[in-house]
Amino acid sequence: MVDADDVARAASRLAGVARRTPALSSGVLDASTGARATLKAESLQHTGSFKFRGAFNAVASLTPAQRRAGVVTYSSGNHARALAHAAARLGTSAVIVMPHDAPAGKAAATRAAGGRIVGYDRYGEDRAAIAADIAEREGRTLVPPFDHPAVIAGQGTVAAELCEQAGPLDVLLVCVGGGGLAAGCAIAAHAVSPATRIVGVEPAAGDDVRRSLAAGHRVTIPVPHTIADGQQVTSPGELTFPLLQAHHCEVVTVTDAEIVAAMAFAARELKLVLEPSGASALAALLTGAVDVGGARVGVTLSGGNVDLDRFSALLSAFAATADGAPDSDEAPDLPV
């Protein structure tokens, strides 16, 4: 199991390498929600998301022999780009198993960082099996996007920094896919403030973590159809799920339209470009999915890797609704 000491060691490895991303506030947001919110802008991290933290920590933890052989992973984009970048900085190579329909910008950025992409059909092939086969054939170390102790510890530095910047929190809203960020942040936040509520936020179409926590065991769902491509996960991780349980994490969901509304808010009020997955935790705050009246709330803005054409199309679809309400049923044709 990963603990606060692992997060502290990750912070040491990342010191002077990862950006200490800003913690932002918004009077407009506080007035509309009744909370005192601090927003951790991981969209400004190296490679455009929090994923750099876990990827770099994992590669930096390898033995010299493992680094010489290289790493392999599977990812729809952000972990792919982060691992390729981390591998290049540490003098090794990375192979990325990435779906054919991954956002073009994420694939291009992964290649630009030196990653070798192996494509697959996310709806018909097993990405983990493909990566495991490459690891065996090429002698590479598998660094999965969330289910890895060093990855979890690295992601935990997001909350460790946030608590240093904002102080102890009553509630921490974290986007959740496979659970690496949520688990790491729960560990770090509870080391400072054991009473902090950890609330994961999933797209409504992909609520595998919510279902799993309710059932008391890992539940697998079909690949969800959602604009939040970074959260198109079918089941929480074997390592992350018991950590989420141990830290009494809650989960709420947001719709795709609510996510787009949060992206629009971030652009308008915070001057930040967020990708759909990066805006899901903010969406939960804006929609009142969690009771935060008077609370000190931390929110992860986890990534900003979205093609400008897609960003424009999503916001245009939102603006074209009858009243612009994030829960409107008149926001069709969001490009999944």
C-alpha atoms as a PDB file:
ATOM      1  CA  MET A   1       0.000   0.000   0.000  1.00  0.00           C
ATOM      2  CA  VAL A   2       1.111   3.557  -0.707  1.00  0.00           C
ATOM      3  CA  ASP A   3       1.463   5.894   2.273  1.00  0.00           C
ATOM      4  CA  ALA A   4       2.370   9.496   3.069  1.00  0.00           C
ATOM      5  CA  ASP A   5       6.082   8.652   3.182  1.00  0.00           C
ATOM      6  CA  ASP A   6       5.867   7.470  -0.437  1.00  0.00           C
ATOM      7  CA  VAL A   7       4.252  10.781  -1.396  1.00  0.00           C
ATOM      8  CA  ALA A   8       7.016  12.663   0.426  1.00  0.00           C
ATOM      9  CA  ARG A   9       9.692  10.685  -1.449  1.00  0.00           C
ATOM     10  CA  ALA A  10       7.911  11.430  -4.716  1.00  0.00           C
ATOM     11  CA  ALA A  11       7.891  15.126  -3.846  1.00  0.00           C
ATOM     12  CA  SER A  12      11.671  14.975  -3.346  1.00  0.00           C
ATOM     13  CA  ARG A  13      12.180  13.365  -6.766  1.00  0.00           C
ATOM     14  CA  LEU A  14       9.916  15.942  -8.397  1.00  0.00           C
ATOM     15  CA  ALA A  15      11.482  18.969  -6.657  1.00  0.00           C
ATOM     16  CA  GLY A  16      12.938  21.267  -9.290  1.00  0.00           C
ATOM     17  CA  VAL A  17      11.462  19.099 -12.061  1.00  0.00           C
ATOM     18  CA  ALA A  18       7.664  19.335 -11.817  1.00  0.00           C
ATOM     19  CA  ARG A  19       6.062  22.747 -11.771  1.00  0.00           C
ATOM     20  CA  ARG A  20       4.570  23.928  -8.511  1.00  0.00           C
ATOM     21  CA  THR A  21       1.293  24.800 -10.171  1.00  0.00           C
ATOM     22  CA  PRO A  22      -0.714  27.800  -8.984  1.00  0.00           C
ATOM     23  CA  ALA A  23      -3.579  27.594  -6.522  1.00  0.00           C
ATOM     24  CA  LEU A  24      -6.288  29.921  -7.792  1.00  0.00           C
ATOM     25  CA  SER A  25      -9.386  31.474  -6.268  1.00  0.00           C
ATOM     26  CA  SER A  26     -12.425  33.158  -7.774  1.00  0.00           C
ATOM     27  CA  GLY A  27     -14.778  35.559  -6.054  1.00  0.00           C
ATOM     28  CA  VAL A  28     -17.428  34.732  -8.634  1.00  0.00           C
ATOM     29  CA  LEU A  29     -17.089  31.015  -7.856  1.00  0.00           C
ATOM     30  CA  ASP A  30     -17.206  31.509  -4.102  1.00  0.00           C
ATOM     31  CA  ALA A  31     -20.263  33.752  -4.363  1.00  0.00           C
ATOM     32  CA  SER A  32     -22.129  31.257  -6.530  1.00  0.00           C
ATOM     33  CA  THR A  33     -21.291  28.168  -4.457  1.00  0.00           C
ATOM     34  CA  GLY A  34     -21.046  29.501  -0.913  1.00  0.00           C
ATOM     35  CA  ALA A  35     -17.656  27.813  -0.559  1.00  0.00           C
ATOM     36  CA  ARG A  36     -14.110  29.070  -0.149  1.00  0.00           C
ATOM     37  CA  ALA A  37     -12.605  27.285  -3.101  1.00  0.00           C
ATOM     38  CA  THR A  38      -8.974  26.852  -4.075  1.00  0.00           C
ATOM     39  CA  LEU A  39      -8.363  25.497  -7.568  1.00  0.00           C
ATOM     40  CA  LYS A  40      -5.159  23.561  -8.307  1.00  0.00           C
ATOM     41  CA  ALA A  41      -4.286  24.362 -11.925  1.00  0.00           C
ATOM     42  CA  GLU A  42      -2.581  21.149 -13.049  1.00  0.00           C
ATOM     43  CA  SER A  43      -3.494  22.107 -16.605  1.00  0.00           C
ATOM     44  CA  LEU A  44      -0.335  24.260 -16.341  1.00  0.00           C
ATOM     45  CA  GLN A  45       1.875  21.304 -15.365  1.00  0.00           C
ATOM     46  CA  HIS A  46       4.519  19.954 -17.752  1.00  0.00           C
ATOM     47  CA  THR A  47       2.772  18.091 -20.605  1.00  0.00           C
ATOM     48  CA  GLY A  48      -0.488  19.814 -19.674  1.00  0.00           C
ATOM     49  CA  SER A  49      -1.729  17.557 -16.868  1.00  0.00           C
ATOM     50  CA  PHE A  50      -1.034  16.101 -13.428  1.00  0.00           C
ATOM     51  CA  LYS A  51       0.070  12.873 -15.115  1.00  0.00           C
ATOM     52  CA  PHE A  52       3.651  14.129 -15.414  1.00  0.00           C
ATOM     53  CA  ARG A  53       4.057  13.798 -11.647  1.00  0.00           C
ATOM     54  CA  GLY A  54       3.293  10.079 -11.476  1.00  0.00           C
ATOM     55  CA  ALA A  55       5.069   9.246 -14.717  1.00  0.00           C
ATOM     56  CA  PHE A  56       8.300  10.980 -13.738  1.00  0.00           C
ATOM     57  CA  ASN A  57       8.251   9.482 -10.248  1.00  0.00           C
ATOM     58  CA  ALA A  58       7.787   5.988 -11.699  1.00  0.00           C
ATOM     59  CA  VAL A  59      10.624   6.286 -14.230  1.00  0.00           C
ATOM     60  CA  ALA A  60      12.914   7.947 -11.679  1.00  0.00           C
ATOM     61  CA  SER A  61      12.314   4.963  -9.374  1.00  0.00           C
ATOM     62  CA  LEU A  62      13.627   2.418 -11.902  1.00  0.00           C
ATOM     63  CA  THR A  63      16.991   0.702 -11.625  1.00  0.00           C
ATOM     64  CA  PRO A  64      19.687   1.618 -14.186  1.00  0.00           C
ATOM     65  CA  ALA A  65      19.085  -1.696 -15.988  1.00  0.00           C
ATOM     66  CA  GLN A  66      15.346  -1.058 -16.191  1.00  0.00           C
ATOM     67  CA  ARG A  67      15.922   2.423 -17.583  1.00  0.00           C
ATOM     68  CA  ARG A  68      18.197   1.061 -20.287  1.00  0.00           C
ATOM     69  CA  ALA A  69      15.449  -1.356 -21.394  1.00  0.00           C
ATOM     70  CA  GLY A  70      12.754   1.333 -21.445  1.00  0.00           C
ATOM     71  CA  VAL A  71       9.119   1.519 -20.394  1.00  0.00           C
ATOM     72  CA  VAL A  72       5.730   0.742 -21.892  1.00  0.00           C
ATOM     73  CA  THR A  73       2.222   1.840 -20.995  1.00  0.00           C
ATOM     74  CA  TYR A  74      -1.348   2.144 -22.277  1.00  0.00           C
ATOM     75  CA  SER A  75      -3.139   5.465 -22.296  1.00  0.00           C
ATOM     76  CA  SER A  76      -5.662   7.559 -24.213  1.00  0.00           C
ATOM     77  CA  GLY A  77      -3.363  10.542 -24.082  1.00  0.00           C
ATOM     78  CA  ASN A  78      -2.262  12.367 -20.940  1.00  0.00           C
ATOM     79  CA  HIS A  79      -0.302   9.545 -19.300  1.00  0.00           C
ATOM     80  CA  ALA A  80       1.069   8.655 -22.728  1.00  0.00           C
ATOM     81  CA  ARG A  81       2.441  12.135 -23.260  1.00  0.00           C
ATOM     82  CA  ALA A  82       3.677  12.370 -19.671  1.00  0.00           C
ATOM     83  CA  LEU A  83       5.508   9.042 -19.752  1.00  0.00           C
ATOM     84  CA  ALA A  84       7.134   9.803 -23.095  1.00  0.00           C
ATOM     85  CA  HIS A  85       8.313  13.161 -21.746  1.00  0.00           C
ATOM     86  CA  ALA A  86       9.545  11.683 -18.455  1.00  0.00           C
ATOM     87  CA  ALA A  87      11.372   8.887 -20.256  1.00  0.00           C
ATOM     88  CA  ALA A  88      13.123  11.365 -22.553  1.00  0.00           C
ATOM     89  CA  ARG A  89      14.185  13.543 -19.616  1.00  0.00           C
ATOM     90  CA  LEU A  90      15.631  10.524 -17.837  1.00  0.00           C
ATOM     91  CA  GLY A  91      17.412   9.092 -20.861  1.00  0.00           C
ATOM     92  CA  THR A  92      15.216   6.136 -21.712  1.00  0.00           C
ATOM     93  CA  SER A  93      12.516   5.236 -24.245  1.00  0.00           C
ATOM     94  CA  ALA A  94       8.765   4.716 -24.069  1.00  0.00           C
ATOM     95  CA  VAL A  95       6.260   2.651 -26.055  1.00  0.00           C
ATOM     96  CA  ILE A  96       2.643   3.742 -25.756  1.00  0.00           C
ATOM     97  CA  VAL A  97      -0.406   1.580 -26.507  1.00  0.00           C
ATOM     98  CA  MET A  98      -2.953   4.213 -27.545  1.00  0.00           C
ATOM     99  CA  PRO A  99      -6.460   3.881 -29.041  1.00  0.00           C
ATOM    100  CA  HIS A 100      -6.860   4.729 -32.710  1.00  0.00           C
ATOM    101  CA  ASP A 101      -9.482   7.343 -31.779  1.00  0.00           C
ATOM    102  CA  ALA A 102      -7.318   9.164 -29.232  1.00  0.00           C
ATOM    103  CA  PRO A 103      -7.371  12.954 -29.642  1.00  0.00           C
ATOM    104  CA  ALA A 104      -5.022  13.858 -32.472  1.00  0.00           C
ATOM    105  CA  GLY A 105      -3.278  16.529 -30.436  1.00  0.00           C
ATOM    106  CA  LYS A 106      -2.436  14.093 -27.635  1.00  0.00           C
ATOM    107  CA  ALA A 107      -1.082  11.536 -30.076  1.00  0.00           C
ATOM    108  CA  ALA A 108       1.020  14.155 -31.856  1.00  0.00           C
ATOM    109  CA  ALA A 109       2.414  15.470 -28.572  1.00  0.00           C
ATOM    110  CA  THR A 110       3.288  11.926 -27.477  1.00  0.00           C
ATOM    111  CA  ARG A 111       5.230  11.314 -30.683  1.00  0.00           C
ATOM    112  CA  ALA A 112       6.918  14.708 -30.377  1.00  0.00           C
ATOM    113  CA  ALA A 113       8.148  13.732 -26.910  1.00  0.00           C
ATOM    114  CA  GLY A 114       9.741  10.603 -28.374  1.00  0.00           C
ATOM    115  CA  GLY A 115       7.055   8.026 -27.611  1.00  0.00           C
ATOM    116  CA  ARG A 116       6.492   5.145 -30.040  1.00  0.00           C
ATOM    117  CA  ILE A 117       2.744   4.604 -30.418  1.00  0.00           C
ATOM    118  CA  VAL A 118       1.149   1.206 -30.952  1.00  0.00           C
ATOM    119  CA  GLY A 119      -2.506   1.682 -31.916  1.00  0.00           C
ATOM    120  CA  TYR A 120      -5.491  -0.443 -30.867  1.00  0.00           C
ATOM    121  CA  ASP A 121      -9.308  -0.480 -30.948  1.00  0.00           C
ATOM    122  CA  ARG A 122     -10.498   0.635 -27.505  1.00  0.00           C
ATOM    123  CA  TYR A 123     -13.889  -1.033 -28.035  1.00  0.00           C
ATOM    124  CA  GLY A 124     -12.598  -4.399 -29.220  1.00  0.00           C
ATOM    125  CA  GLU A 125      -9.061  -4.996 -27.948  1.00  0.00           C
ATOM    126  CA  ASP A 126      -7.424  -5.338 -24.530  1.00  0.00           C
ATOM    127  CA  ARG A 127      -4.881  -2.545 -24.120  1.00  0.00           C
ATOM    128  CA  ALA A 128      -3.371  -4.013 -20.958  1.00  0.00           C
ATOM    129  CA  ALA A 129      -2.746  -7.338 -22.694  1.00  0.00           C
ATOM    130  CA  ILE A 130      -1.093  -5.608 -25.655  1.00  0.00           C
ATOM    131  CA  ALA A 131       1.194  -3.640 -23.332  1.00  0.00           C
ATOM    132  CA  ALA A 132       2.050  -6.740 -21.289  1.00  0.00           C
ATOM    133  CA  ASP A 133       3.041  -8.560 -24.467  1.00  0.00           C
ATOM    134  CA  ILE A 134       5.323  -5.691 -25.495  1.00  0.00           C
ATOM    135  CA  ALA A 135       6.862  -5.616 -22.010  1.00  0.00           C
ATOM    136  CA  GLU A 136       7.662  -9.331 -22.226  1.00  0.00           C
ATOM    137  CA  ARG A 137       8.997  -9.266 -25.792  1.00  0.00           C
ATOM    138  CA  GLU A 138      11.119  -6.127 -25.402  1.00  0.00           C
ATOM    139  CA  GLY A 139      12.068  -6.394 -21.740  1.00  0.00           C
ATOM    140  CA  ARG A 140      10.401  -3.099 -20.910  1.00  0.00           C
ATOM    141  CA  THR A 141       8.946  -2.138 -17.539  1.00  0.00           C
ATOM    142  CA  LEU A 142       5.192  -1.636 -17.549  1.00  0.00           C
ATOM    143  CA  VAL A 143       4.140   1.709 -16.051  1.00  0.00           C
ATOM    144  CA  PRO A 144       0.322   1.695 -16.138  1.00  0.00           C
ATOM    145  CA  PRO A 145      -1.553   4.998 -16.015  1.00  0.00           C
ATOM    146  CA  PHE A 146      -2.879   4.644 -12.480  1.00  0.00           C
ATOM    147  CA  ASP A 147      -2.403   1.188 -10.964  1.00  0.00           C
ATOM    148  CA  HIS A 148       1.228   1.551  -9.886  1.00  0.00           C
ATOM    149  CA  PRO A 149       2.598   2.544  -6.447  1.00  0.00           C
ATOM    150  CA  ALA A 150       5.055   5.141  -7.777  1.00  0.00           C
ATOM    151  CA  VAL A 151       2.393   6.635 -10.054  1.00  0.00           C
ATOM    152  CA  ILE A 152      -0.085   6.922  -7.175  1.00  0.00           C
ATOM    153  CA  ALA A 153       2.558   8.500  -4.922  1.00  0.00           C
ATOM    154  CA  GLY A 154       3.526  10.989  -7.619  1.00  0.00           C
ATOM    155  CA  GLN A 155      -0.087  12.037  -8.150  1.00  0.00           C
ATOM    156  CA  GLY A 156      -0.431  12.527  -4.412  1.00  0.00           C
ATOM    157  CA  THR A 157       1.951  15.474  -4.624  1.00  0.00           C
ATOM    158  CA  VAL A 158      -0.904  17.452  -6.194  1.00  0.00           C
ATOM    159  CA  ALA A 159      -2.802  17.453  -2.892  1.00  0.00           C
ATOM    160  CA  ALA A 160       0.373  17.795  -0.825  1.00  0.00           C
ATOM    161  CA  GLU A 161       1.151  21.047  -2.628  1.00  0.00           C
ATOM    162  CA  LEU A 162      -2.446  22.221  -2.501  1.00  0.00           C
ATOM    163  CA  CYS A 163      -2.605  21.754   1.271  1.00  0.00           C
ATOM    164  CA  GLU A 164       0.626  23.746   1.625  1.00  0.00           C
ATOM    165  CA  GLN A 165      -0.860  26.531  -0.502  1.00  0.00           C
ATOM    166  CA  ALA A 166      -4.398  26.598   0.899  1.00  0.00           C
ATOM    167  CA  GLY A 167      -4.107  24.995   4.329  1.00  0.00           C
ATOM    168  CA  PRO A 168      -6.246  22.077   5.579  1.00  0.00           C
ATOM    169  CA  LEU A 169      -9.365  21.460   3.507  1.00  0.00           C
ATOM    170  CA  ASP A 170     -12.872  20.441   4.503  1.00  0.00           C
ATOM    171  CA  VAL A 171     -13.560  18.910   1.077  1.00  0.00           C
ATOM    172  CA  LEU A 172     -11.293  17.907  -1.799  1.00  0.00           C
ATOM    173  CA  LEU A 173     -12.925  17.404  -5.206  1.00  0.00           C
ATOM    174  CA  VAL A 174     -10.835  15.229  -7.514  1.00  0.00           C
ATOM    175  CA  CYS A 175     -11.542  13.950 -10.997  1.00  0.00           C
ATOM    176  CA  VAL A 176     -11.446  10.157 -10.987  1.00  0.00           C
ATOM    177  CA  GLY A 177     -10.744   7.739 -13.822  1.00  0.00           C
ATOM    178  CA  GLY A 178      -8.799   4.712 -12.651  1.00  0.00           C
ATOM    179  CA  GLY A 179      -8.318   6.302  -9.247  1.00  0.00           C
ATOM    180  CA  GLY A 180      -4.602   7.114  -9.196  1.00  0.00           C
ATOM    181  CA  LEU A 181      -5.047  10.839  -8.602  1.00  0.00           C
ATOM    182  CA  ALA A 182      -7.889  10.385  -6.135  1.00  0.00           C
ATOM    183  CA  ALA A 183      -6.044   7.727  -4.149  1.00  0.00           C
ATOM    184  CA  GLY A 184      -2.784   9.678  -4.048  1.00  0.00           C
ATOM    185  CA  CYS A 185      -4.549  12.897  -3.107  1.00  0.00           C
ATOM    186  CA  ALA A 186      -6.523  11.143  -0.374  1.00  0.00           C
ATOM    187  CA  ILE A 187      -3.289   9.873   1.166  1.00  0.00           C
ATOM    188  CA  ALA A 188      -1.643  13.304   1.050  1.00  0.00           C
ATOM    189  CA  ALA A 189      -4.674  15.278   2.233  1.00  0.00           C
ATOM    190  CA  HIS A 190      -5.412  12.941   5.135  1.00  0.00           C
ATOM    191  CA  ALA A 191      -1.790  13.154   6.287  1.00  0.00           C
ATOM    192  CA  VAL A 192      -2.470  16.860   6.909  1.00  0.00           C
ATOM    193  CA  SER A 193      -6.166  16.776   7.792  1.00  0.00           C
ATOM    194  CA  PRO A 194      -7.721  13.350   8.530  1.00  0.00           C
ATOM    195  CA  ALA A 195     -11.228  14.836   8.512  1.00  0.00           C
ATOM    196  CA  THR A 196     -11.064  16.084   4.911  1.00  0.00           C
ATOM    197  CA  ARG A 197     -13.814  14.613   2.730  1.00  0.00           C
ATOM    198  CA  ILE A 198     -12.404  13.179  -0.469  1.00  0.00           C
ATOM    199  CA  VAL A 199     -14.957  13.318  -3.282  1.00  0.00           C
ATOM    200  CA  GLY A 200     -14.156  11.789  -6.651  1.00  0.00           C
ATOM    201  CA  VAL A 201     -15.987  13.072  -9.712  1.00  0.00           C
ATOM    202  CA  GLU A 202     -16.820  10.833 -12.676  1.00  0.00           C
ATOM    203  CA  PRO A 203     -18.743  11.404 -15.911  1.00  0.00           C
ATOM    204  CA  ALA A 204     -22.276  10.091 -15.505  1.00  0.00           C
ATOM    205  CA  ALA A 205     -21.772   7.711 -18.426  1.00  0.00           C
ATOM    206  CA  GLY A 206     -18.714   6.140 -16.790  1.00  0.00           C
ATOM    207  CA  ASP A 207     -19.480   5.671 -13.101  1.00  0.00           C
ATOM    208  CA  ASP A 208     -17.468   2.498 -12.469  1.00  0.00           C
ATOM    209  CA  VAL A 209     -15.869   3.832  -9.276  1.00  0.00           C
ATOM    210  CA  ARG A 210     -19.202   4.971  -7.839  1.00  0.00           C
ATOM    211  CA  ARG A 211     -20.714   1.568  -8.551  1.00  0.00           C
ATOM    212  CA  SER A 212     -17.681  -0.227  -7.157  1.00  0.00           C
ATOM    213  CA  LEU A 213     -17.692   1.675  -3.875  1.00  0.00           C
ATOM    214  CA  ALA A 214     -21.434   1.058  -3.500  1.00  0.00           C
ATOM    215  CA  ALA A 215     -20.986  -2.677  -4.190  1.00  0.00           C
ATOM    216  CA  GLY A 216     -17.907  -3.057  -1.983  1.00  0.00           C
ATOM    217  CA  HIS A 217     -15.891  -4.629  -4.803  1.00  0.00           C
ATOM    218  CA  ARG A 218     -14.521  -3.638  -8.205  1.00  0.00           C
ATOM    219  CA  VAL A 219     -17.232  -3.410 -10.856  1.00  0.00           C
ATOM    220  CA  THR A 220     -16.493  -3.453 -14.579  1.00  0.00           C
ATOM    221  CA  ILE A 221     -18.608  -1.495 -17.050  1.00  0.00           C
ATOM    222  CA  PRO A 222     -18.454  -1.192 -20.862  1.00  0.00           C
ATOM    223  CA  VAL A 223     -16.191   1.517 -22.255  1.00  0.00           C
ATOM    224  CA  PRO A 224     -18.233   4.662 -21.560  1.00  0.00           C
ATOM    225  CA  HIS A 225     -19.242   7.063 -24.306  1.00  0.00           C
ATOM    226  CA  THR A 226     -18.337  10.469 -22.886  1.00  0.00           C
ATOM    227  CA  ILE A 227     -16.501  13.582 -24.004  1.00  0.00           C
ATOM    228  CA  ALA A 228     -14.179  13.059 -21.009  1.00  0.00           C
ATOM    229  CA  ASP A 229     -11.737  10.780 -22.856  1.00  0.00           C
ATOM    230  CA  GLY A 230      -9.326  10.745 -19.926  1.00  0.00           C
ATOM    231  CA  GLN A 231     -12.047   9.139 -17.809  1.00  0.00           C
ATOM    232  CA  GLN A 232     -13.130   6.424 -20.239  1.00  0.00           C
ATOM    233  CA  VAL A 233     -12.105   3.742 -17.761  1.00  0.00           C
ATOM    234  CA  THR A 234     -14.048   0.526 -17.256  1.00  0.00           C
ATOM    235  CA  SER A 235     -13.014  -0.367 -13.690  1.00  0.00           C
ATOM    236  CA  PRO A 236     -11.033   1.137 -10.813  1.00  0.00           C
ATOM    237  CA  GLY A 237      -7.533  -0.229 -10.306  1.00  0.00           C
ATOM    238  CA  GLU A 238      -6.588  -3.209  -8.169  1.00  0.00           C
ATOM    239  CA  LEU A 239      -4.285  -0.968  -6.124  1.00  0.00           C
ATOM    240  CA  THR A 240      -6.305   2.227  -6.212  1.00  0.00           C
ATOM    241  CA  PHE A 241      -9.672   0.769  -5.226  1.00  0.00           C
ATOM    242  CA  PRO A 242      -8.711  -0.445  -1.729  1.00  0.00           C
ATOM    243  CA  LEU A 243      -7.011   2.904  -1.124  1.00  0.00           C
ATOM    244  CA  LEU A 244     -10.205   4.722  -2.064  1.00  0.00           C
ATOM    245  CA  GLN A 245     -12.102   2.454   0.309  1.00  0.00           C
ATOM    246  CA  ALA A 246      -9.610   2.917   3.136  1.00  0.00           C
ATOM    247  CA  HIS A 247      -9.858   6.685   2.831  1.00  0.00           C
ATOM    248  CA  HIS A 248     -13.681   6.622   2.712  1.00  0.00           C
ATOM    249  CA  CYS A 249     -13.795   8.351  -0.647  1.00  0.00           C
ATOM    250  CA  GLU A 250     -17.166   9.406  -1.992  1.00  0.00           C
ATOM    251  CA  VAL A 251     -18.073   9.732  -5.672  1.00  0.00           C
ATOM    252  CA  VAL A 252     -20.485  12.003  -7.505  1.00  0.00           C
ATOM    253  CA  THR A 253     -21.161  12.216 -11.225  1.00  0.00           C
ATOM    254  CA  VAL A 254     -21.563  15.018 -13.746  1.00  0.00           C
ATOM    255  CA  THR A 255     -23.028  15.006 -17.228  1.00  0.00           C
ATOM    256  CA  ASP A 256     -21.121  15.869 -20.366  1.00  0.00           C
ATOM    257  CA  ALA A 257     -23.115  19.102 -20.681  1.00  0.00           C
ATOM    258  CA  GLU A 258     -22.184  20.059 -17.111  1.00  0.00           C
ATOM    259  CA  ILE A 259     -18.532  19.394 -17.913  1.00  0.00           C
ATOM    260  CA  VAL A 260     -18.710  21.714 -20.917  1.00  0.00           C
ATOM    261  CA  ALA A 261     -20.315  24.380 -18.732  1.00  0.00           C
ATOM    262  CA  ALA A 262     -17.354  24.086 -16.368  1.00  0.00           C
ATOM    263  CA  MET A 263     -14.929  24.401 -19.294  1.00  0.00           C
ATOM    264  CA  ALA A 264     -16.736  27.587 -20.315  1.00  0.00           C
ATOM    265  CA  PHE A 265     -16.573  28.939 -16.750  1.00  0.00           C
ATOM    266  CA  ALA A 266     -12.847  28.236 -16.526  1.00  0.00           C
ATOM    267  CA  ALA A 267     -12.197  30.015 -19.820  1.00  0.00           C
ATOM    268  CA  ARG A 268     -14.352  32.993 -18.906  1.00  0.00           C
ATOM    269  CA  GLU A 269     -13.518  33.496 -15.213  1.00  0.00           C
ATOM    270  CA  LEU A 270     -10.135  31.809 -14.711  1.00  0.00           C
ATOM    271  CA  LYS A 271      -8.642  32.358 -18.176  1.00  0.00           C
ATOM    272  CA  LEU A 272      -7.758  28.659 -18.322  1.00  0.00           C
ATOM    273  CA  VAL A 273      -8.276  26.117 -21.095  1.00  0.00           C
ATOM    274  CA  LEU A 274      -9.390  22.817 -19.581  1.00  0.00           C
ATOM    275  CA  GLU A 275     -10.022  19.526 -21.328  1.00  0.00           C
ATOM    276  CA  PRO A 276     -13.268  17.732 -20.426  1.00  0.00           C
ATOM    277  CA  SER A 277     -11.659  15.363 -17.904  1.00  0.00           C
ATOM    278  CA  GLY A 278      -9.776  18.281 -16.403  1.00  0.00           C
ATOM    279  CA  ALA A 279     -13.010  20.180 -15.763  1.00  0.00           C
ATOM    280  CA  SER A 280     -15.110  17.421 -14.183  1.00  0.00           C
ATOM    281  CA  ALA A 281     -14.247  18.264 -10.553  1.00  0.00           C
ATOM    282  CA  LEU A 282     -15.037  21.925 -11.178  1.00  0.00           C
ATOM    283  CA  ALA A 283     -18.325  20.847 -12.754  1.00  0.00           C
ATOM    284  CA  ALA A 284     -19.298  19.073  -9.535  1.00  0.00           C
ATOM    285  CA  LEU A 285     -18.680  22.250  -7.555  1.00  0.00           C
ATOM    286  CA  LEU A 286     -20.593  24.457  -9.992  1.00  0.00           C
ATOM    287  CA  THR A 287     -23.626  22.154 -10.100  1.00  0.00           C
ATOM    288  CA  GLY A 288     -23.893  21.732  -6.340  1.00  0.00           C
ATOM    289  CA  ALA A 289     -23.334  17.987  -6.549  1.00  0.00           C
ATOM    290  CA  VAL A 290     -21.662  18.229  -3.130  1.00  0.00           C
ATOM    291  CA  ASP A 291     -22.853  20.319  -0.170  1.00  0.00           C
ATOM    292  CA  VAL A 292     -19.979  22.777   0.347  1.00  0.00           C
ATOM    293  CA  GLY A 293     -21.687  25.764   1.970  1.00  0.00           C
ATOM    294  CA  GLY A 294     -19.102  27.606   4.084  1.00  0.00           C
ATOM    295  CA  ALA A 295     -16.496  24.891   3.491  1.00  0.00           C
ATOM    296  CA  ARG A 296     -12.851  25.191   2.510  1.00  0.00           C
ATOM    297  CA  VAL A 297     -12.839  23.309  -0.776  1.00  0.00           C
ATOM    298  CA  GLY A 298      -9.949  22.172  -2.940  1.00  0.00           C
ATOM    299  CA  VAL A 299     -10.583  21.396  -6.607  1.00  0.00           C
ATOM    300  CA  THR A 300      -8.227  19.698  -9.046  1.00  0.00           C
ATOM    301  CA  LEU A 301      -8.191  21.196 -12.535  1.00  0.00           C
ATOM    302  CA  SER A 302      -6.386  18.141 -13.755  1.00  0.00           C
ATOM    303  CA  GLY A 303      -5.568  18.806 -17.404  1.00  0.00           C
ATOM    304  CA  GLY A 304      -5.774  21.135 -20.370  1.00  0.00           C
ATOM    305  CA  ASN A 305      -4.871  18.941 -23.325  1.00  0.00           C
ATOM    306  CA  VAL A 306      -7.687  19.536 -25.768  1.00  0.00           C
ATOM    307  CA  ASP A 307      -7.463  20.345 -29.483  1.00  0.00           C
ATOM    308  CA  LEU A 308      -8.570  23.927 -30.072  1.00  0.00           C
ATOM    309  CA  ASP A 309     -11.069  22.855 -32.743  1.00  0.00           C
ATOM    310  CA  ARG A 310     -12.682  20.432 -30.306  1.00  0.00           C
ATOM    311  CA  PHE A 311     -12.614  22.988 -27.492  1.00  0.00           C
ATOM    312  CA  SER A 312     -14.353  25.500 -29.746  1.00  0.00           C
ATOM    313  CA  ALA A 313     -16.916  22.947 -30.928  1.00  0.00           C
ATOM    314  CA  LEU A 314     -17.797  21.905 -27.387  1.00  0.00           C
ATOM    315  CA  LEU A 315     -18.214  25.461 -26.158  1.00  0.00           C
ATOM    316  CA  SER A 316     -20.191  26.407 -29.261  1.00  0.00           C
ATOM    317  CA  ALA A 317     -22.597  23.513 -28.638  1.00  0.00           C
ATOM    318  CA  PHE A 318     -23.044  24.703 -25.072  1.00  0.00           C
ATOM    319  CA  ALA A 319     -23.604  28.313 -26.123  1.00  0.00           C
ATOM    320  CA  ALA A 320     -26.202  27.193 -28.665  1.00  0.00           C
ATOM    321  CA  THR A 321     -28.526  25.736 -26.015  1.00  0.00           C
ATOM    322  CA  ALA A 322     -31.762  27.536 -25.335  1.00  0.00           C
ATOM    323  CA  ASP A 323     -30.654  29.094 -22.068  1.00  0.00           C
ATOM    324  CA  GLY A 324     -27.024  28.040 -21.652  1.00  0.00           C
ATOM    325  CA  ALA A 325     -27.913  25.975 -18.575  1.00  0.00           C
ATOM    326  CA  PRO A 326     -25.422  23.186 -17.923  1.00  0.00           C
ATOM    327  CA  ASP A 327     -28.213  20.687 -17.314  1.00  0.00           C
ATOM    328  CA  SER A 328     -30.076  21.549 -20.473  1.00  0.00           C
ATOM    329  CA  ASP A 329     -31.325  18.671 -22.613  1.00  0.00           C
ATOM    330  CA  GLU A 330     -30.707  20.860 -25.672  1.00  0.00           C
ATOM    331  CA  ALA A 331     -26.926  20.342 -25.902  1.00  0.00           C
ATOM    332  CA  PRO A 332     -26.802  17.660 -28.627  1.00  0.00           C
ATOM    333  CA  ASP A 333     -23.968  16.493 -30.791  1.00  0.00           C
ATOM    334  CA  LEU A 334     -21.147  16.910 -28.300  1.00  0.00           C
ATOM    335  CA  PRO A 335     -18.199  15.287 -30.092  1.00  0.00           C
ATOM    336  CA  VAL A 336     -17.361  12.200 -28.042  1.00  0.00           C
END
